[in-house]
């Protein structure tokens, strides 16, 4: 496995997981300010 492609895939997965976590938390009203 090439290290560059591995890091690229890991970065994409990390972004997807982080984005999904934020979207899920916002959907549950964790960030509701008002």
PDB file of N, CA and C in Angstrom:
ATOM      1  N   UNK A   1       0.855  -1.203   0.000  1.00  0.00           N
ATOM      2  CA  UNK A   1       0.000   0.000   0.000  1.00  0.00           C
ATOM      3  C   UNK A   1       0.886   1.247   0.000  1.00  0.00           C
ATOM      4  N   UNK A   2       0.539   2.188  -0.857  1.00  0.00           N
ATOM      5  CA  UNK A   2       1.306   3.427  -0.905  1.00  0.00           C
ATOM      6  C   UNK A   2       0.919   4.318   0.269  1.00  0.00           C
ATOM      7  N   UNK A   3       1.942   4.913   0.867  1.00  0.00           N
ATOM      8  CA  UNK A   3       1.695   5.735   2.055  1.00  0.00           C
ATOM      9  C   UNK A   3       0.848   6.957   1.712  1.00  0.00           C
ATOM     10  N   UNK A   4       1.111   7.563   0.535  1.00  0.00           N
ATOM     11  CA  UNK A   4       0.382   8.781   0.160  1.00  0.00           C
ATOM     12  C   UNK A   4      -1.103   8.492  -0.011  1.00  0.00           C
ATOM     13  N   UNK A   5      -1.427   7.426  -0.719  1.00  0.00           N
ATOM     14  CA  UNK A   5      -2.840   7.087  -0.931  1.00  0.00           C
ATOM     15  C   UNK A   5      -3.497   6.711   0.394  1.00  0.00           C
ATOM     16  N   UNK A   6      -2.721   6.074   1.283  1.00  0.00           N
ATOM     17  CA  UNK A   6      -3.257   5.704   2.594  1.00  0.00           C
ATOM     18  C   UNK A   6      -3.586   6.954   3.400  1.00  0.00           C
ATOM     19  N   UNK A   7      -2.662   7.923   3.411  1.00  0.00           N
ATOM     20  CA  UNK A   7      -2.895   9.168   4.152  1.00  0.00           C
ATOM     21  C   UNK A   7      -4.057   9.933   3.555  1.00  0.00           C
ATOM     22  N   UNK A   8      -4.167   9.913   2.227  1.00  0.00           N
ATOM     23  CA  UNK A   8      -5.263  10.613   1.560  1.00  0.00           C
ATOM     24  C   UNK A   8      -6.599   9.971   1.947  1.00  0.00           C
ATOM     25  N   UNK A   9      -6.656   8.659   1.929  1.00  0.00           N
ATOM     26  CA  UNK A   9      -7.881   7.953   2.302  1.00  0.00           C
ATOM     27  C   UNK A   9      -8.216   8.180   3.765  1.00  0.00           C
ATOM     28  N   UNK A  10      -7.191   8.150   4.623  1.00  0.00           N
ATOM     29  CA  UNK A  10      -7.415   8.368   6.054  1.00  0.00           C
ATOM     30  C   UNK A  10      -7.938   9.774   6.294  1.00  0.00           C
ATOM     31  N   UNK A  11      -7.414  10.754   5.552  1.00  0.00           N
ATOM     32  CA  UNK A  11      -7.875  12.138   5.693  1.00  0.00           C
ATOM     33  C   UNK A  11      -9.329  12.273   5.293  1.00  0.00           C
ATOM     34  N   UNK A  12      -9.695  11.629   4.175  1.00  0.00           N
ATOM     35  CA  UNK A  12     -11.085  11.688   3.705  1.00  0.00           C
ATOM     36  C   UNK A  12     -12.014  11.042   4.731  1.00  0.00           C
ATOM     37  N   UNK A  13     -11.617   9.899   5.253  1.00  0.00           N
ATOM     38  CA  UNK A  13     -12.437   9.206   6.250  1.00  0.00           C
ATOM     39  C   UNK A  13     -12.590  10.064   7.502  1.00  0.00           C
ATOM     40  N   UNK A  14     -11.480  10.698   7.922  1.00  0.00           N
ATOM     41  CA  UNK A  14     -11.521  11.551   9.114  1.00  0.00           C
ATOM     42  C   UNK A  14     -12.480  12.708   8.922  1.00  0.00           C
ATOM     43  N   UNK A  15     -12.420  13.335   7.725  1.00  0.00           N
ATOM     44  CA  UNK A  15     -13.310  14.463   7.422  1.00  0.00           C
ATOM     45  C   UNK A  15     -14.765  14.004   7.416  1.00  0.00           C
ATOM     46  N   UNK A  16     -15.016  12.835   6.822  1.00  0.00           N
ATOM     47  CA  UNK A  16     -16.384  12.316   6.768  1.00  0.00           C
ATOM     48  C   UNK A  16     -16.911  12.019   8.170  1.00  0.00           C
ATOM     49  N   UNK A  17     -16.082  11.394   8.996  1.00  0.00           N
ATOM     50  CA  UNK A  17     -16.497  11.052  10.359  1.00  0.00           C
ATOM     51  C   UNK A  17     -16.749  12.317  11.174  1.00  0.00           C
ATOM     52  N   UNK A  18     -15.831  13.288  11.072  1.00  0.00           N
ATOM     53  CA  UNK A  18     -15.987  14.545  11.812  1.00  0.00           C
ATOM     54  C   UNK A  18     -17.235  15.282  11.344  1.00  0.00           C
ATOM     55  N   UNK A  19     -17.429  15.352  10.029  1.00  0.00           N
ATOM     56  CA  UNK A  19     -18.605  16.033   9.484  1.00  0.00           C
ATOM     57  C   UNK A  19     -19.886  15.342   9.919  1.00  0.00           C
ATOM     58  N   UNK A  20     -19.883  14.025   9.898  1.00  0.00           N
ATOM     59  CA  UNK A  20     -21.061  13.275  10.317  1.00  0.00           C
ATOM     60  C   UNK A  20     -21.365  13.490  11.790  1.00  0.00           C
ATOM     61  N   UNK A  21     -20.313  13.546  12.616  1.00  0.00           N
ATOM     62  CA  UNK A  21     -20.504  13.763  14.048  1.00  0.00           C
ATOM     63  C   UNK A  21     -21.089  15.141  14.307  1.00  0.00           C
ATOM     64  N   UNK A  22     -20.566  16.153  13.614  1.00  0.00           N
ATOM     65  CA  UNK A  22     -21.066  17.524  13.778  1.00  0.00           C
ATOM     66  C   UNK A  22     -22.510  17.615  13.312  1.00  0.00           C
ATOM     67  N   UNK A  23     -22.799  17.013  12.145  1.00  0.00           N
ATOM     68  CA  UNK A  23     -24.162  17.062  11.601  1.00  0.00           C
ATOM     69  C   UNK A  23     -25.138  16.358  12.545  1.00  0.00           C
ATOM     70  N   UNK A  24     -24.708  15.246  13.108  1.00  0.00           N
ATOM     71  CA  UNK A  24     -25.565  14.479  14.010  1.00  0.00           C
ATOM     72  C   UNK A  24     -25.815  15.259  15.303  1.00  0.00           C
ATOM     73  N   UNK A  25     -24.770  15.865  15.847  1.00  0.00           N
ATOM     74  CA  UNK A  25     -24.911  16.645  17.078  1.00  0.00           C
ATOM     75  C   UNK A  25     -25.816  17.844  16.839  1.00  0.00           C
ATOM     76  N   UNK A  26     -25.641  18.505  15.700  1.00  0.00           N
ATOM     77  CA  UNK A  26     -26.472  19.665  15.381  1.00  0.00           C
ATOM     78  C   UNK A  26     -27.914  19.236  15.159  1.00  0.00           C
ATOM     79  N   UNK A  27     -28.094  18.051  14.558  1.00  0.00           N
ATOM     80  CA  UNK A  27     -29.439  17.537  14.312  1.00  0.00           C
ATOM     81  C   UNK A  27     -30.146  17.212  15.634  1.00  0.00           C
ATOM     82  N   UNK A  28     -29.375  16.847  16.649  1.00  0.00           N
ATOM     83  CA  UNK A  28     -29.953  16.514  17.951  1.00  0.00           C
ATOM     84  C   UNK A  28     -30.115  17.756  18.823  1.00  0.00           C
ATOM     85  N   UNK A  29     -29.668  18.916  18.329  1.00  0.00           N
ATOM     86  CA  UNK A  29     -29.864  20.160  19.066  1.00  0.00           C
ATOM     87  C   UNK A  29     -28.796  20.439  20.104  1.00  0.00           C
ATOM     88  N   UNK A  30     -27.604  19.858  19.923  1.00  0.00           N
ATOM     89  CA  UNK A  30     -26.528  20.086  20.884  1.00  0.00           C
ATOM     90  C   UNK A  30     -26.032  21.527  20.804  1.00  0.00           C
ATOM     91  N   UNK A  31     -26.039  22.083  19.578  1.00  0.00           N
ATOM     92  CA  UNK A  31     -25.509  23.426  19.382  1.00  0.00           C
ATOM     93  C   UNK A  31     -26.596  24.499  19.386  1.00  0.00           C
ATOM     94  N   UNK A  32     -27.798  24.137  19.779  1.00  0.00           N
ATOM     95  CA  UNK A  32     -28.888  25.117  19.774  1.00  0.00           C
ATOM     96  C   UNK A  32     -28.588  26.228  20.782  1.00  0.00           C
ATOM     97  N   UNK A  33     -28.526  27.463  20.281  1.00  0.00           N
ATOM     98  CA  UNK A  33     -28.101  28.582  21.125  1.00  0.00           C
ATOM     99  C   UNK A  33     -29.291  29.389  21.609  1.00  0.00           C
ATOM    100  N   UNK A  34     -30.420  29.298  20.918  1.00  0.00           N
ATOM    101  CA  UNK A  34     -31.510  30.167  21.304  1.00  0.00           C
ATOM    102  C   UNK A  34     -32.754  29.421  21.659  1.00  0.00           C
TER     103      UNK A  34
END
